[in-house]
N, C-alpha and C. Protein backbone atom coordinates (compact mmCIF):
# COMPACT_ATOMS: atom_id res chain seq x y z
N UNK A 1 -13.50 -23.55 7.14
CA UNK A 1 -13.37 -22.27 6.98
C UNK A 1 -14.56 -22.04 5.34
N UNK A 2 -15.66 -21.07 5.47
CA UNK A 2 -16.32 -20.55 4.85
C UNK A 2 -15.32 -20.22 3.26
N UNK A 3 -16.01 -19.94 2.05
CA UNK A 3 -15.47 -19.14 1.11
C UNK A 3 -16.26 -18.08 0.42
N UNK A 4 -15.32 -16.85 0.49
CA UNK A 4 -15.72 -15.56 0.31
C UNK A 4 -15.00 -14.83 -0.81
N UNK A 5 -15.71 -13.71 -0.95
CA UNK A 5 -15.42 -12.82 -1.79
C UNK A 5 -15.26 -11.54 -1.39
N UNK A 6 -14.37 -10.92 -1.73
CA UNK A 6 -13.76 -9.44 -1.05
C UNK A 6 -13.63 -8.44 -2.50
N UNK A 7 -14.31 -7.51 -2.79
CA UNK A 7 -14.05 -6.86 -4.18
C UNK A 7 -13.78 -5.14 -3.24
N UNK A 8 -12.13 -4.73 -3.65
CA UNK A 8 -11.46 -3.73 -3.08
C UNK A 8 -11.11 -2.88 -4.55
N UNK A 9 -10.84 -1.92 -4.11
CA UNK A 9 -10.47 -0.66 -4.50
C UNK A 9 -8.98 0.08 -3.69
N UNK A 10 -7.71 0.23 -4.74
CA UNK A 10 -6.44 0.48 -4.47
C UNK A 10 -6.20 1.61 -5.23
N UNK A 11 -6.26 2.71 -3.94
CA UNK A 11 -5.48 4.16 -4.43
C UNK A 11 -4.38 4.58 -4.27
N UNK A 12 -3.54 5.23 -4.84
CA UNK A 12 -2.33 5.59 -4.44
C UNK A 12 -1.48 5.22 -5.92
N UNK A 13 -0.07 5.26 -5.84
CA UNK A 13 0.39 4.89 -7.34
C UNK A 13 0.53 3.26 -7.20
N UNK A 14 -0.36 3.07 -7.82
CA UNK A 14 -0.58 1.94 -8.09
C UNK A 14 -0.86 1.43 -9.65
N UNK A 15 -0.59 1.98 -10.59
CA UNK A 15 -0.72 2.01 -11.74
C UNK A 15 0.61 1.91 -12.50
N UNK A 16 1.10 1.27 -13.75
CA UNK A 16 2.63 1.36 -14.14
C UNK A 16 3.27 0.79 -12.86
N UNK A 17 3.48 0.12 -11.79
CA UNK A 17 4.36 -0.65 -10.71
C UNK A 17 4.35 -1.87 -10.78
N UNK A 18 3.16 -2.69 -11.59
CA UNK A 18 3.44 -3.93 -11.03
C UNK A 18 2.69 -4.56 -10.70
N UNK A 19 1.34 -3.76 -10.25
CA UNK A 19 0.88 -4.21 -8.85
C UNK A 19 -0.42 -4.91 -9.32
N UNK A 20 -1.22 -5.28 -10.81
CA UNK A 20 -2.36 -6.06 -10.95
C UNK A 20 -1.30 -7.76 -11.30
N UNK A 21 -0.08 -7.38 -12.07
CA UNK A 21 0.76 -8.58 -12.18
C UNK A 21 1.24 -9.31 -10.21
N UNK A 22 1.76 -8.32 -9.80
CA UNK A 22 1.75 -8.92 -8.28
C UNK A 22 0.74 -9.51 -7.61
N UNK A 23 -0.09 -8.62 -7.64
CA UNK A 23 -1.51 -9.34 -7.36
C UNK A 23 -2.05 -10.71 -7.31
N UNK A 24 -1.76 -10.87 -8.84
CA UNK A 24 -1.76 -12.02 -9.79
C UNK A 24 -1.34 -13.15 -9.33
N UNK A 25 -0.17 -12.92 -8.83
CA UNK A 25 1.11 -13.70 -7.72
C UNK A 25 0.92 -13.93 -7.09
N UNK A 26 0.50 -13.07 -6.23
CA UNK A 26 0.44 -13.16 -4.65
C UNK A 26 -1.26 -14.61 -4.83
N UNK A 27 -1.98 -13.80 -5.47
CA UNK A 27 -2.92 -14.64 -4.92
C UNK A 27 -3.13 -15.86 -6.14
N UNK A 28 -2.62 -16.06 -6.59
CA UNK A 28 -1.95 -17.69 -7.50
C UNK A 28 -1.94 -18.78 -6.56
N UNK A 29 -0.08 -17.69 -5.79
CA UNK A 29 0.14 -18.63 -4.52
C UNK A 29 -0.72 -19.15 -3.38
N UNK A 30 -1.42 -18.13 -3.38
CA UNK A 30 -2.28 -18.14 -1.86
C UNK A 30 -3.42 -19.27 -2.24
N UNK A 31 -4.16 -19.58 -3.56
CA UNK A 31 -4.50 -20.45 -4.48
C UNK A 31 -6.65 -19.14 -4.40
N UNK A 32 -6.22 -18.21 -4.47
CA UNK A 32 -6.95 -17.60 -4.70
C UNK A 32 -7.06 -17.31 -6.12
N UNK A 33 -8.71 -17.28 -6.40
CA UNK A 33 -9.16 -16.98 -7.92
C UNK A 33 -9.83 -15.51 -7.73
N UNK A 34 -9.85 -14.92 -9.13
CA UNK A 34 -10.56 -13.09 -8.66
C UNK A 34 -10.25 -12.51 -10.11
N UNK A 35 -9.52 -11.29 -10.19
CA UNK A 35 -9.13 -10.44 -11.17
C UNK A 35 -8.98 -9.11 -10.53
N UNK A 36 -7.58 -8.29 -11.60
CA UNK A 36 -7.31 -7.05 -11.33
C UNK A 36 -7.46 -6.76 -12.59
N UNK A 37 -7.78 -4.95 -12.46
CA UNK A 37 -8.38 -4.12 -13.73
C UNK A 37 -7.63 -2.47 -13.04
N UNK A 38 -6.69 -1.61 -14.23
CA UNK A 38 -6.48 -0.54 -13.58
C UNK A 38 -8.09 0.09 -13.80
N UNK A 39 -8.48 1.12 -13.67
CA UNK A 39 -9.14 2.00 -13.83
C UNK A 39 -8.85 3.51 -14.38
N UNK A 40 -9.75 3.91 -14.76
CA UNK A 40 -9.24 4.87 -15.65
C UNK A 40 -8.96 6.46 -14.72
N UNK A 41 -9.44 6.63 -13.30
CA UNK A 41 -9.08 7.32 -12.27
C UNK A 41 -7.82 7.72 -10.96
N UNK A 42 -6.93 6.25 -11.93
CA UNK A 42 -5.83 5.51 -11.87
C UNK A 42 -5.61 4.72 -10.25
N UNK A 43 -6.91 3.92 -10.12
CA UNK A 43 -6.80 3.16 -9.10
C UNK A 43 -7.12 1.71 -9.47
N UNK A 44 -6.85 0.57 -8.61
CA UNK A 44 -6.81 -0.74 -9.46
C UNK A 44 -8.05 -1.11 -8.51
N UNK A 45 -9.10 -2.03 -9.04
CA UNK A 45 -9.77 -2.65 -8.53
C UNK A 45 -10.12 -3.82 -9.04
N UNK A 46 -10.24 -5.04 -7.51
CA UNK A 46 -9.58 -5.72 -7.53
C UNK A 46 -10.38 -6.80 -6.95
N UNK A 47 -10.90 -8.04 -7.07
CA UNK A 47 -11.78 -9.32 -6.42
C UNK A 47 -11.40 -10.35 -6.28
N UNK A 48 -11.40 -10.62 -5.05
CA UNK A 48 -10.59 -12.04 -4.83
C UNK A 48 -11.65 -13.17 -3.99
N UNK A 49 -11.74 -14.30 -4.68
CA UNK A 49 -12.86 -15.05 -4.24
C UNK A 49 -11.62 -16.26 -3.73
N UNK A 50 -12.15 -16.82 -2.47
CA UNK A 50 -11.60 -18.30 -2.02
C UNK A 50 -11.79 -18.79 -0.84
N UNK A 51 -11.07 -19.38 -0.06
CA UNK A 51 -11.15 -19.77 1.47
C UNK A 51 -11.32 -18.25 2.16
N UNK A 52 -11.63 -18.25 3.10
CA UNK A 52 -11.72 -17.14 3.74
C UNK A 52 -10.30 -16.53 4.18
N UNK A 53 -9.59 -17.83 4.62
CA UNK A 53 -8.45 -17.57 5.57
C UNK A 53 -7.44 -17.10 4.43
N UNK A 54 -7.19 -17.50 2.76
CA UNK A 54 -6.20 -17.24 2.09
C UNK A 54 -7.12 -15.46 1.79
N UNK A 55 -7.84 -15.33 1.55
CA UNK A 55 -8.71 -14.57 0.77
C UNK A 55 -8.09 -13.21 1.31
N UNK A 56 -8.63 -13.08 3.18
CA UNK A 56 -7.90 -11.77 3.99
C UNK A 56 -6.62 -11.69 4.05
N UNK A 57 -5.73 -12.79 3.76
CA UNK A 57 -4.18 -13.39 3.85
C UNK A 57 -4.01 -11.70 2.59
N UNK A 58 -4.30 -12.72 1.19
CA UNK A 58 -4.25 -11.50 -0.24
C UNK A 58 -4.67 -9.88 0.33
N UNK A 59 -5.67 -9.89 0.93
CA UNK A 59 -6.73 -8.70 1.09
C UNK A 59 -5.40 -7.44 2.05
N UNK A 60 -4.95 -7.85 2.69
CA UNK A 60 -4.28 -7.52 3.50
C UNK A 60 -2.89 -7.30 2.64
N UNK A 61 -2.31 -7.75 2.23
CA UNK A 61 -1.11 -7.95 0.87
C UNK A 61 -1.54 -6.48 0.42
N UNK A 62 -2.74 -6.27 -0.17
CA UNK A 62 -3.22 -4.97 -1.00
C UNK A 62 -2.99 -3.60 -0.25
N UNK A 63 -2.80 -3.59 0.96
CA UNK A 63 -2.24 -2.62 1.54
C UNK A 63 -0.81 -2.22 1.29
N UNK A 64 0.07 -2.89 0.94
CA UNK A 64 1.69 -2.80 0.74
C UNK A 64 1.64 -2.76 -0.78
N UNK A 65 0.92 -4.24 -1.54
CA UNK A 65 1.14 -3.72 -2.98
C UNK A 65 3.23 -4.64 -3.57
N UNK A 66 3.84 -4.54 -4.40
CA UNK A 66 4.52 -4.46 -5.02
C UNK A 66 5.60 -3.61 -4.16
N UNK A 67 6.93 -3.42 -4.54
CA UNK A 67 8.23 -2.91 -4.04
C UNK A 67 7.73 -1.25 -4.92
N UNK A 68 7.15 -0.75 -5.59
CA UNK A 68 7.45 0.35 -6.50
C UNK A 68 5.79 1.18 -6.23
N UNK A 69 5.39 0.70 -5.97
CA UNK A 69 3.86 0.78 -5.30
C UNK A 69 3.83 2.02 -4.25
N UNK A 70 2.82 2.69 -3.88
CA UNK A 70 2.80 3.32 -2.55
C UNK A 70 0.97 3.81 -2.78
N UNK A 71 0.57 2.95 -1.95
CA UNK A 71 -0.51 2.23 -1.57
C UNK A 71 -1.33 3.76 -0.41
N UNK A 72 -2.15 4.45 -0.91
CA UNK A 72 -2.71 5.43 -0.51
C UNK A 72 -4.21 4.64 0.61
N UNK A 73 -4.46 3.95 -0.08
CA UNK A 73 -6.07 3.69 0.34
C UNK A 73 -7.07 2.18 -0.32
N UNK A 74 -7.01 1.25 0.66
CA UNK A 74 -7.93 0.24 0.07
C UNK A 74 -8.80 0.00 0.78
N UNK A 75 -10.26 0.11 0.07
CA UNK A 75 -11.45 -0.13 0.45
C UNK A 75 -11.91 -0.82 -0.11
N UNK A 76 -12.84 -2.19 1.04
CA UNK A 76 -13.30 -3.37 0.61
C UNK A 76 -14.32 -3.67 1.16
N UNK A 77 -15.13 -4.30 0.16
CA UNK A 77 -16.24 -5.31 0.84
C UNK A 77 -16.36 -6.41 0.37
N UNK A 78 -16.88 -7.20 0.98
CA UNK A 78 -17.56 -8.33 1.11
C UNK A 78 -18.27 -9.10 0.64
N UNK A 79 -18.41 -9.73 -0.35
CA UNK A 79 -19.58 -10.15 -1.58
C UNK A 79 -19.63 -11.65 -1.73
N UNK A 80 -21.26 -11.84 -1.58
CA UNK A 80 -21.17 -12.91 -1.95
C UNK A 80 -20.61 -14.19 -2.52
N UNK A 81 -20.52 -15.52 -2.56
CA UNK A 81 -19.54 -16.37 -3.07
C UNK A 81 -19.40 -16.60 -4.39
N UNK A 82 -18.57 -16.50 -5.31
CA UNK A 82 -18.62 -16.40 -7.13
C UNK A 82 -17.75 -17.44 -7.00
N UNK A 83 -18.17 -18.47 -8.08
CA UNK A 83 -17.44 -19.58 -8.13
C UNK A 83 -16.50 -19.31 -9.41
N UNK A 84 -15.00 -18.14 -9.34
CA UNK A 84 -14.61 -18.24 -10.61
C UNK A 84 -13.48 -18.71 -10.20
N UNK A 85 -12.66 -19.56 -11.94
CA UNK A 85 -11.91 -20.22 -11.76
C UNK A 85 -10.32 -19.76 -11.42
N UNK A 86 -9.83 -18.58 -11.95
CA UNK A 86 -8.64 -18.20 -11.89
C UNK A 86 -8.49 -17.10 -11.71
N UNK A 87 -7.08 -16.21 -11.74
CA UNK A 87 -7.36 -15.53 -11.57
C UNK A 87 -6.57 -13.62 -12.90
N UNK A 88 -7.00 -13.08 -13.31
CA UNK A 88 -6.96 -12.73 -14.28
C UNK A 88 -6.90 -10.98 -14.42
N UNK A 89 -6.28 -10.69 -15.49
CA UNK A 89 -5.96 -9.23 -15.36
C UNK A 89 -6.01 -8.83 -16.64
N UNK A 90 -6.74 -7.14 -16.23
CA UNK A 90 -6.86 -6.60 -17.91
C UNK A 90 -6.73 -5.14 -17.49
């Protein structure tokens, strides 16, 4: 299966509820690299790179998030492969 990257913007009640850390844990448990960061407008921006099947699994999870999150919308774009080495949050 091919390697892909997904760039996502997640909106709703997703800051201050461990969304980024939970995304990191989910991604790392699936072997996906990338990053997650809070944006000034209240959204969380996420990059996921790895094997297509597991990247899509983590991308599907973004719609749910951790228990205290209320995800309203996730916009996703598929990008060219980027060889990221880990998953970071900022």
